């Protein structure tokens, strides 16, 4: 890509993908990001992430769905569990 997306935008795109590995369309990612961008730019970023192996793209060109690779699903789930556990510590009795 001539103009590479910022690492922050790429992180938002990856963060918009469901942690459980369920498929999502580029339109769904665009809506989940909620940032000023264009659906075409989100598709370009998703395509580059798929080429680099950061996500899996399936389906015909106009109807692609994207999802995390199985290894990233496990890591994302563990991170989510760790963040949830740390954010909600056990109540200590007085």
PDB file of N, CA and C in Angstrom:
ATOM      1  N   UNK A   1       0.842  -1.182   0.000  1.00  0.00           N
ATOM      2  CA  UNK A   1       0.000   0.000   0.000  1.00  0.00           C
ATOM      3  C   UNK A   1       0.883   1.239   0.000  1.00  0.00           C
ATOM      4  N   UNK A   2       0.504   2.200  -0.775  1.00  0.00           N
ATOM      5  CA  UNK A   2       1.284   3.424  -0.851  1.00  0.00           C
ATOM      6  C   UNK A   2       1.184   4.186   0.461  1.00  0.00           C
ATOM      7  N   UNK A   3      -0.009   4.451   0.916  1.00  0.00           N
ATOM      8  CA  UNK A   3      -0.224   5.126   2.192  1.00  0.00           C
ATOM      9  C   UNK A   3      -0.658   4.082   3.207  1.00  0.00           C
ATOM     10  N   UNK A   4       0.229   3.740   4.087  1.00  0.00           N
ATOM     11  CA  UNK A   4      -0.093   2.711   5.074  1.00  0.00           C
ATOM     12  C   UNK A   4      -1.012   3.280   6.145  1.00  0.00           C
ATOM     13  N   UNK A   5      -1.958   2.480   6.608  1.00  0.00           N
ATOM     14  CA  UNK A   5      -2.815   2.959   7.698  1.00  0.00           C
ATOM     15  C   UNK A   5      -2.003   3.066   8.985  1.00  0.00           C
ATOM     16  N   UNK A   6      -2.457   3.924   9.858  1.00  0.00           N
ATOM     17  CA  UNK A   6      -1.750   4.089  11.124  1.00  0.00           C
ATOM     18  C   UNK A   6      -1.898   2.813  11.951  1.00  0.00           C
ATOM     19  N   UNK A   7      -0.941   2.532  12.823  1.00  0.00           N
ATOM     20  CA  UNK A   7      -1.066   1.363  13.699  1.00  0.00           C
ATOM     21  C   UNK A   7      -2.316   1.428  14.574  1.00  0.00           C
ATOM     22  N   UNK A   8      -2.714   2.636  14.965  1.00  0.00           N
ATOM     23  CA  UNK A   8      -3.920   2.779  15.789  1.00  0.00           C
ATOM     24  C   UNK A   8      -5.166   2.363  15.006  1.00  0.00           C
ATOM     25  N   UNK A   9      -5.247   2.759  13.728  1.00  0.00           N
ATOM     26  CA  UNK A   9      -6.403   2.382  12.923  1.00  0.00           C
ATOM     27  C   UNK A   9      -6.410   0.881  12.660  1.00  0.00           C
ATOM     28  N   UNK A  10      -5.243   0.317  12.385  1.00  0.00           N
ATOM     29  CA  UNK A  10      -5.145  -1.128  12.176  1.00  0.00           C
ATOM     30  C   UNK A  10      -5.575  -1.873  13.434  1.00  0.00           C
ATOM     31  N   UNK A  11      -5.188  -1.374  14.599  1.00  0.00           N
ATOM     32  CA  UNK A  11      -5.595  -1.999  15.863  1.00  0.00           C
ATOM     33  C   UNK A  11      -7.105  -1.916  16.048  1.00  0.00           C
ATOM     34  N   UNK A  12      -7.715  -0.804  15.631  1.00  0.00           N
ATOM     35  CA  UNK A  12      -9.172  -0.685  15.733  1.00  0.00           C
ATOM     36  C   UNK A  12      -9.867  -1.692  14.825  1.00  0.00           C
ATOM     37  N   UNK A  13      -9.322  -1.864  13.623  1.00  0.00           N
ATOM     38  CA  UNK A  13      -9.908  -2.835  12.692  1.00  0.00           C
ATOM     39  C   UNK A  13      -9.808  -4.239  13.277  1.00  0.00           C
ATOM     40  N   UNK A  14      -8.635  -4.599  13.793  1.00  0.00           N
ATOM     41  CA  UNK A  14      -8.471  -5.925  14.401  1.00  0.00           C
ATOM     42  C   UNK A  14      -9.334  -6.068  15.644  1.00  0.00           C
ATOM     43  N   UNK A  15      -9.484  -4.995  16.407  1.00  0.00           N
ATOM     44  CA  UNK A  15     -10.314  -5.032  17.607  1.00  0.00           C
ATOM     45  C   UNK A  15     -11.791  -5.176  17.304  1.00  0.00           C
ATOM     46  N   UNK A  16     -12.207  -4.781  16.106  1.00  0.00           N
ATOM     47  CA  UNK A  16     -13.612  -4.893  15.724  1.00  0.00           C
ATOM     48  C   UNK A  16     -13.999  -6.318  15.349  1.00  0.00           C
ATOM     49  N   UNK A  17     -13.009  -7.179  15.108  1.00  0.00           N
ATOM     50  CA  UNK A  17     -13.309  -8.573  14.772  1.00  0.00           C
ATOM     51  C   UNK A  17     -13.739  -9.316  16.032  1.00  0.00           C
ATOM     52  N   UNK A  18     -14.775 -10.140  15.952  1.00  0.00           N
ATOM     53  CA  UNK A  18     -15.217 -10.892  17.127  1.00  0.00           C
ATOM     54  C   UNK A  18     -14.120 -11.812  17.664  1.00  0.00           C
ATOM     55  N   UNK A  19     -13.971 -11.855  18.996  1.00  0.00           N
ATOM     56  CA  UNK A  19     -12.936 -12.676  19.616  1.00  0.00           C
ATOM     57  C   UNK A  19     -13.184 -14.166  19.448  1.00  0.00           C
ATOM     58  N   UNK A  20     -14.451 -14.558  19.307  1.00  0.00           N
ATOM     59  CA  UNK A  20     -14.765 -15.985  19.222  1.00  0.00           C
ATOM     60  C   UNK A  20     -14.549 -16.567  17.831  1.00  0.00           C
ATOM     61  N   UNK A  21     -14.124 -15.740  16.885  1.00  0.00           N
ATOM     62  CA  UNK A  21     -13.842 -16.237  15.546  1.00  0.00           C
ATOM     63  C   UNK A  21     -15.035 -16.261  14.617  1.00  0.00           C
ATOM     64  N   UNK A  22     -16.171 -15.726  15.061  1.00  0.00           N
ATOM     65  CA  UNK A  22     -17.323 -15.708  14.172  1.00  0.00           C
ATOM     66  C   UNK A  22     -17.077 -14.711  13.037  1.00  0.00           C
ATOM     67  N   UNK A  23     -17.651 -14.975  11.872  1.00  0.00           N
ATOM     68  CA  UNK A  23     -17.374 -14.136  10.705  1.00  0.00           C
ATOM     69  C   UNK A  23     -18.051 -12.769  10.797  1.00  0.00           C
ATOM     70  N   UNK A  24     -17.450 -11.787  10.149  1.00  0.00           N
ATOM     71  CA  UNK A  24     -18.010 -10.438  10.082  1.00  0.00           C
ATOM     72  C   UNK A  24     -17.664  -9.863   8.713  1.00  0.00           C
ATOM     73  N   UNK A  25     -18.557  -9.071   8.170  1.00  0.00           N
ATOM     74  CA  UNK A  25     -18.310  -8.450   6.871  1.00  0.00           C
ATOM     75  C   UNK A  25     -17.520  -7.159   7.055  1.00  0.00           C
ATOM     76  N   UNK A  26     -16.996  -6.637   5.960  1.00  0.00           N
ATOM     77  CA  UNK A  26     -16.274  -5.366   6.043  1.00  0.00           C
ATOM     78  C   UNK A  26     -17.215  -4.248   6.479  1.00  0.00           C
ATOM     79  N   UNK A  27     -18.468  -4.333   6.082  1.00  0.00           N
ATOM     80  CA  UNK A  27     -19.465  -3.335   6.511  1.00  0.00           C
ATOM     81  C   UNK A  27     -19.672  -3.414   8.020  1.00  0.00           C
ATOM     82  N   UNK A  28     -19.709  -4.624   8.557  1.00  0.00           N
ATOM     83  CA  UNK A  28     -19.836  -4.795   9.998  1.00  0.00           C
ATOM     84  C   UNK A  28     -18.646  -4.227  10.742  1.00  0.00           C
ATOM     85  N   UNK A  29     -17.450  -4.417  10.193  1.00  0.00           N
ATOM     86  CA  UNK A  29     -16.242  -3.847  10.799  1.00  0.00           C
ATOM     87  C   UNK A  29     -16.315  -2.328  10.738  1.00  0.00           C
ATOM     88  N   UNK A  30     -16.735  -1.783   9.600  1.00  0.00           N
ATOM     89  CA  UNK A  30     -16.855  -0.338   9.434  1.00  0.00           C
ATOM     90  C   UNK A  30     -17.811   0.247  10.468  1.00  0.00           C
ATOM     91  N   UNK A  31     -18.933  -0.399  10.681  1.00  0.00           N
ATOM     92  CA  UNK A  31     -19.917   0.082  11.654  1.00  0.00           C
ATOM     93  C   UNK A  31     -19.380  -0.068  13.076  1.00  0.00           C
ATOM     94  N   UNK A  32     -18.698  -1.172  13.354  1.00  0.00           N
ATOM     95  CA  UNK A  32     -18.167  -1.409  14.701  1.00  0.00           C
ATOM     96  C   UNK A  32     -17.084  -0.405  15.076  1.00  0.00           C
ATOM     97  N   UNK A  33     -16.315   0.043  14.097  1.00  0.00           N
ATOM     98  CA  UNK A  33     -15.255   1.013  14.385  1.00  0.00           C
ATOM     99  C   UNK A  33     -15.870   2.346  14.790  1.00  0.00           C
ATOM    100  N   UNK A  34     -16.902   2.776  14.077  1.00  0.00           N
ATOM    101  CA  UNK A  34     -17.575   4.016  14.412  1.00  0.00           C
ATOM    102  C   UNK A  34     -16.704   5.251  14.255  1.00  0.00           C
ATOM    103  N   UNK A  35     -15.736   5.187  13.391  1.00  0.00           N
ATOM    104  CA  UNK A  35     -14.807   6.298  13.196  1.00  0.00           C
ATOM    105  C   UNK A  35     -15.032   6.885  11.815  1.00  0.00           C
ATOM    106  N   UNK A  36     -14.603   8.122  11.649  1.00  0.00           N
ATOM    107  CA  UNK A  36     -14.719   8.733  10.330  1.00  0.00           C
ATOM    108  C   UNK A  36     -13.737   8.028   9.394  1.00  0.00           C
ATOM    109  N   UNK A  37     -14.276   7.290   8.483  1.00  0.00           N
ATOM    110  CA  UNK A  37     -13.511   6.532   7.510  1.00  0.00           C
ATOM    111  C   UNK A  37     -14.466   6.208   6.380  1.00  0.00           C
ATOM    112  N   UNK A  38     -14.034   5.403   5.453  1.00  0.00           N
ATOM    113  CA  UNK A  38     -14.926   4.963   4.386  1.00  0.00           C
ATOM    114  C   UNK A  38     -14.936   3.443   4.363  1.00  0.00           C
ATOM    115  N   UNK A  39     -16.046   2.852   3.940  1.00  0.00           N
ATOM    116  CA  UNK A  39     -16.072   1.389   3.830  1.00  0.00           C
ATOM    117  C   UNK A  39     -14.986   0.862   2.896  1.00  0.00           C
ATOM    118  N   UNK A  40     -14.663   1.609   1.846  1.00  0.00           N
ATOM    119  CA  UNK A  40     -13.616   1.161   0.916  1.00  0.00           C
ATOM    120  C   UNK A  40     -12.258   1.106   1.610  1.00  0.00           C
ATOM    121  N   UNK A  41     -11.959   2.089   2.457  1.00  0.00           N
ATOM    122  CA  UNK A  41     -10.674   2.095   3.158  1.00  0.00           C
ATOM    123  C   UNK A  41     -10.602   0.935   4.150  1.00  0.00           C
ATOM    124  N   UNK A  42     -11.711   0.649   4.817  1.00  0.00           N
ATOM    125  CA  UNK A  42     -11.749  -0.495   5.738  1.00  0.00           C
ATOM    126  C   UNK A  42     -11.509  -1.780   4.960  1.00  0.00           C
ATOM    127  N   UNK A  43     -12.103  -1.916   3.768  1.00  0.00           N
ATOM    128  CA  UNK A  43     -11.880  -3.107   2.938  1.00  0.00           C
ATOM    129  C   UNK A  43     -10.419  -3.231   2.537  1.00  0.00           C
ATOM    130  N   UNK A  44      -9.773  -2.113   2.213  1.00  0.00           N
ATOM    131  CA  UNK A  44      -8.353  -2.141   1.844  1.00  0.00           C
ATOM    132  C   UNK A  44      -7.515  -2.627   3.015  1.00  0.00           C
ATOM    133  N   UNK A  45      -7.788  -2.109   4.209  1.00  0.00           N
ATOM    134  CA  UNK A  45      -7.033  -2.519   5.399  1.00  0.00           C
ATOM    135  C   UNK A  45      -7.278  -3.995   5.692  1.00  0.00           C
ATOM    136  N   UNK A  46      -8.535  -4.447   5.595  1.00  0.00           N
ATOM    137  CA  UNK A  46      -8.848  -5.859   5.833  1.00  0.00           C
ATOM    138  C   UNK A  46      -8.138  -6.745   4.814  1.00  0.00           C
ATOM    139  N   UNK A  47      -8.117  -6.324   3.558  1.00  0.00           N
ATOM    140  CA  UNK A  47      -7.446  -7.107   2.523  1.00  0.00           C
ATOM    141  C   UNK A  47      -5.950  -7.232   2.822  1.00  0.00           C
ATOM    142  N   UNK A  48      -5.316  -6.141   3.237  1.00  0.00           N
ATOM    143  CA  UNK A  48      -3.891  -6.179   3.567  1.00  0.00           C
ATOM    144  C   UNK A  48      -3.629  -7.063   4.786  1.00  0.00           C
ATOM    145  N   UNK A  49      -4.501  -7.005   5.783  1.00  0.00           N
ATOM    146  CA  UNK A  49      -4.344  -7.864   6.957  1.00  0.00           C
ATOM    147  C   UNK A  49      -4.497  -9.333   6.578  1.00  0.00           C
ATOM    148  N   UNK A  50      -5.400  -9.623   5.638  1.00  0.00           N
ATOM    149  CA  UNK A  50      -5.572 -11.005   5.184  1.00  0.00           C
ATOM    150  C   UNK A  50      -4.345 -11.477   4.412  1.00  0.00           C
ATOM    151  N   UNK A  51      -3.789 -10.615   3.578  1.00  0.00           N
ATOM    152  CA  UNK A  51      -2.586 -10.975   2.822  1.00  0.00           C
ATOM    153  C   UNK A  51      -1.427 -11.258   3.768  1.00  0.00           C
ATOM    154  N   UNK A  52      -1.320 -10.469   4.831  1.00  0.00           N
ATOM    155  CA  UNK A  52      -0.232 -10.638   5.799  1.00  0.00           C
ATOM    156  C   UNK A  52      -0.489 -11.764   6.796  1.00  0.00           C
ATOM    157  N   UNK A  53      -1.657 -12.411   6.721  1.00  0.00           N
ATOM    158  CA  UNK A  53      -1.941 -13.556   7.581  1.00  0.00           C
ATOM    159  C   UNK A  53      -2.480 -13.219   8.954  1.00  0.00           C
ATOM    160  N   UNK A  54      -2.923 -11.980   9.167  1.00  0.00           N
ATOM    161  CA  UNK A  54      -3.447 -11.587  10.472  1.00  0.00           C
ATOM    162  C   UNK A  54      -4.920 -11.949  10.643  1.00  0.00           C
ATOM    163  N   UNK A  55      -5.590 -12.271   9.552  1.00  0.00           N
ATOM    164  CA  UNK A  55      -6.977 -12.712   9.623  1.00  0.00           C
ATOM    165  C   UNK A  55      -7.282 -13.590   8.425  1.00  0.00           C
ATOM    166  N   UNK A  56      -8.427 -14.241   8.486  1.00  0.00           N
ATOM    167  CA  UNK A  56      -8.842 -15.163   7.429  1.00  0.00           C
ATOM    168  C   UNK A  56      -9.990 -14.510   6.664  1.00  0.00           C
ATOM    169  N   UNK A  57      -9.893 -14.493   5.342  1.00  0.00           N
ATOM    170  CA  UNK A  57     -10.938 -13.945   4.487  1.00  0.00           C
ATOM    171  C   UNK A  57     -11.502 -15.083   3.648  1.00  0.00           C
ATOM    172  N   UNK A  58     -12.816 -15.258   3.692  1.00  0.00           N
ATOM    173  CA  UNK A  58     -13.466 -16.295   2.898  1.00  0.00           C
ATOM    174  C   UNK A  58     -14.630 -15.686   2.136  1.00  0.00           C
ATOM    175  N   UNK A  59     -15.039 -16.364   1.088  1.00  0.00           N
ATOM    176  CA  UNK A  59     -16.173 -15.923   0.297  1.00  0.00           C
ATOM    177  C   UNK A  59     -15.731 -15.234  -0.977  1.00  0.00           C
ATOM    178  N   UNK A  60     -16.671 -15.035  -1.910  1.00  0.00           N
ATOM    179  CA  UNK A  60     -16.333 -14.363  -3.160  1.00  0.00           C
ATOM    180  C   UNK A  60     -16.000 -12.891  -2.915  1.00  0.00           C
ATOM    181  N   UNK A  61     -15.369 -12.271  -3.893  1.00  0.00           N
ATOM    182  CA  UNK A  61     -14.863 -10.911  -3.753  1.00  0.00           C
ATOM    183  C   UNK A  61     -15.825  -9.903  -3.155  1.00  0.00           C
ATOM    184  N   UNK A  62     -17.030  -9.820  -3.653  1.00  0.00           N
ATOM    185  CA  UNK A  62     -17.977  -8.830  -3.156  1.00  0.00           C
ATOM    186  C   UNK A  62     -18.671  -9.213  -1.871  1.00  0.00           C
ATOM    187  N   UNK A  63     -18.506 -10.452  -1.430  1.00  0.00           N
ATOM    188  CA  UNK A  63     -19.226 -10.924  -0.245  1.00  0.00           C
ATOM    189  C   UNK A  63     -18.279 -11.553   0.772  1.00  0.00           C
ATOM    190  N   UNK A  64     -17.079 -11.045   0.869  1.00  0.00           N
ATOM    191  CA  UNK A  64     -16.099 -11.625   1.787  1.00  0.00           C
ATOM    192  C   UNK A  64     -16.528 -11.445   3.232  1.00  0.00           C
ATOM    193  N   UNK A  65     -16.187 -12.445   4.025  1.00  0.00           N
ATOM    194  CA  UNK A  65     -16.329 -12.331   5.469  1.00  0.00           C
ATOM    195  C   UNK A  65     -14.952 -12.557   6.075  1.00  0.00           C
ATOM    196  N   UNK A  66     -14.718 -11.918   7.186  1.00  0.00           N
ATOM    197  CA  UNK A  66     -13.410 -11.956   7.828  1.00  0.00           C
ATOM    198  C   UNK A  66     -13.557 -12.523   9.227  1.00  0.00           C
ATOM    199  N   UNK A  67     -12.523 -13.206   9.687  1.00  0.00           N
ATOM    200  CA  UNK A  67     -12.503 -13.718  11.058  1.00  0.00           C
ATOM    201  C   UNK A  67     -11.065 -13.891  11.498  1.00  0.00           C
ATOM    202  N   UNK A  68     -10.902 -14.006  12.806  1.00  0.00           N
ATOM    203  CA  UNK A  68      -9.564 -14.199  13.366  1.00  0.00           C
ATOM    204  C   UNK A  68      -9.106 -15.627  13.114  1.00  0.00           C
ATOM    205  N   UNK A  69      -7.802 -15.834  12.934  1.00  0.00           N
ATOM    206  CA  UNK A  69      -7.277 -17.204  12.864  1.00  0.00           C
ATOM    207  C   UNK A  69      -7.459 -17.898  14.219  1.00  0.00           C
ATOM    208  N   UNK A  70      -7.560 -19.233  14.252  1.00  0.00           N
ATOM    209  CA  UNK A  70      -7.796 -19.945  15.511  1.00  0.00           C
ATOM    210  C   UNK A  70      -6.795 -19.611  16.612  1.00  0.00           C
ATOM    211  N   UNK A  71      -5.525 -19.435  16.293  1.00  0.00           N
ATOM    212  CA  UNK A  71      -4.533 -19.120  17.328  1.00  0.00           C
ATOM    213  C   UNK A  71      -4.839 -17.772  17.968  1.00  0.00           C
ATOM    214  N   UNK A  72      -5.267 -16.792  17.183  1.00  0.00           N
ATOM    215  CA  UNK A  72      -5.591 -15.481  17.728  1.00  0.00           C
ATOM    216  C   UNK A  72      -6.881 -15.518  18.529  1.00  0.00           C
ATOM    217  N   UNK A  73      -7.795 -16.429  18.197  1.00  0.00           N
ATOM    218  CA  UNK A  73      -9.028 -16.539  18.964  1.00  0.00           C
ATOM    219  C   UNK A  73      -8.711 -16.934  20.399  1.00  0.00           C
ATOM    220  N   UNK A  74      -7.806 -17.905  20.559  1.00  0.00           N
ATOM    221  CA  UNK A  74      -7.446 -18.365  21.892  1.00  0.00           C
ATOM    222  C   UNK A  74      -6.753 -17.261  22.673  1.00  0.00           C
ATOM    223  N   UNK A  75      -5.823 -16.565  22.031  1.00  0.00           N
ATOM    224  CA  UNK A  75      -5.096 -15.489  22.706  1.00  0.00           C
ATOM    225  C   UNK A  75      -6.051 -14.370  23.085  1.00  0.00           C
ATOM    226  N   UNK A  76      -6.946 -13.988  22.174  1.00  0.00           N
ATOM    227  CA  UNK A  76      -7.898 -12.920  22.458  1.00  0.00           C
ATOM    228  C   UNK A  76      -8.821 -13.322  23.600  1.00  0.00           C
ATOM    229  N   UNK A  77      -9.249 -14.571  23.632  1.00  0.00           N
ATOM    230  CA  UNK A  77     -10.102 -15.041  24.718  1.00  0.00           C
ATOM    231  C   UNK A  77      -9.393 -15.007  26.053  1.00  0.00           C
ATOM    232  N   UNK A  78      -8.118 -15.405  26.064  1.00  0.00           N
ATOM    233  CA  UNK A  78      -7.345 -15.361  27.308  1.00  0.00           C
ATOM    234  C   UNK A  78      -7.140 -13.933  27.772  1.00  0.00           C
ATOM    235  N   UNK A  79      -6.841 -13.031  26.838  1.00  0.00           N
ATOM    236  CA  UNK A  79      -6.663 -11.634  27.209  1.00  0.00           C
ATOM    237  C   UNK A  79      -7.959 -11.050  27.742  1.00  0.00           C
ATOM    238  N   UNK A  80      -9.076 -11.398  27.118  1.00  0.00           N
ATOM    239  CA  UNK A  80     -10.363 -10.910  27.582  1.00  0.00           C
ATOM    240  C   UNK A  80     -10.645 -11.428  28.983  1.00  0.00           C
ATOM    241  N   UNK A  81     -10.355 -12.708  29.240  1.00  0.00           N
ATOM    242  CA  UNK A  81     -10.549 -13.259  30.576  1.00  0.00           C
ATOM    243  C   UNK A  81      -9.667 -12.553  31.593  1.00  0.00           C
ATOM    244  N   UNK A  82      -8.419 -12.295  31.235  1.00  0.00           N
ATOM    245  CA  UNK A  82      -7.491 -11.641  32.156  1.00  0.00           C
ATOM    246  C   UNK A  82      -7.937 -10.216  32.450  1.00  0.00           C
ATOM    247  N   UNK A  83      -8.366  -9.500  31.422  1.00  0.00           N
ATOM    248  CA  UNK A  83      -8.812  -8.122  31.622  1.00  0.00           C
ATOM    249  C   UNK A  83     -10.079  -8.102  32.456  1.00  0.00           C
ATOM    250  N   UNK A  84     -11.012  -8.992  32.174  1.00  0.00           N
ATOM    251  CA  UNK A  84     -12.259  -9.040  32.927  1.00  0.00           C
ATOM    252  C   UNK A  84     -11.990  -9.392  34.379  1.00  0.00           C
ATOM    253  N   UNK A  85     -11.115 -10.349  34.619  1.00  0.00           N
ATOM    254  CA  UNK A  85     -10.812 -10.764  35.986  1.00  0.00           C
ATOM    255  C   UNK A  85     -10.123  -9.639  36.746  1.00  0.00           C
ATOM    256  N   UNK A  86      -9.185  -8.941  36.091  1.00  0.00           N
ATOM    257  CA  UNK A  86      -8.477  -7.848  36.754  1.00  0.00           C
ATOM    258  C   UNK A  86      -9.385  -6.653  36.985  1.00  0.00           C
ATOM    259  N   UNK A  87     -10.320  -6.427  36.067  1.00  0.00           N
ATOM    260  CA  UNK A  87     -11.209  -5.281  36.194  1.00  0.00           C
ATOM    261  C   UNK A  87     -12.266  -5.505  37.264  1.00  0.00           C
ATOM    262  N   UNK A  88     -12.583  -6.762  37.545  1.00  0.00           N
ATOM    263  CA  UNK A  88     -13.612  -7.075  38.526  1.00  0.00           C
ATOM    264  C   UNK A  88     -13.019  -7.964  39.610  1.00  0.00           C
ATOM    265  N   UNK A  89     -12.206  -7.395  40.511  1.00  0.00           N
ATOM    266  CA  UNK A  89     -11.602  -8.230  41.544  1.00  0.00           C
ATOM    267  C   UNK A  89     -12.657  -8.766  42.505  1.00  0.00           C
ATOM    268  N   UNK A  90     -12.316  -9.849  43.128  1.00  0.00           N
ATOM    269  CA  UNK A  90     -13.225 -10.451  44.098  1.00  0.00           C
ATOM    270  C   UNK A  90     -13.459  -9.485  45.253  1.00  0.00           C
ATOM    271  N   UNK A  91     -14.670  -9.448  45.722  1.00  0.00           N
ATOM    272  CA  UNK A  91     -14.993  -8.579  46.858  1.00  0.00           C
ATOM    273  C   UNK A  91     -14.396  -9.176  48.125  1.00  0.00           C
ATOM    274  N   UNK A  92     -13.775  -8.341  48.907  1.00  0.00           N
ATOM    275  CA  UNK A  92     -13.195  -8.817  50.164  1.00  0.00           C
ATOM    276  C   UNK A  92     -14.134  -8.465  51.297  1.00  0.00           C
ATOM    277  N   UNK A  93     -14.411  -9.421  52.170  1.00  0.00           N
ATOM    278  CA  UNK A  93     -15.320  -9.132  53.287  1.00  0.00           C
ATOM    279  C   UNK A  93     -14.666  -8.163  54.267  1.00  0.00           C
ATOM    280  N   UNK A  94     -15.482  -7.351  54.886  1.00  0.00           N
ATOM    281  CA  UNK A  94     -14.966  -6.393  55.869  1.00  0.00           C
ATOM    282  C   UNK A  94     -14.797  -7.004  57.217  1.00  0.00           C
TER     283      UNK A  94
END
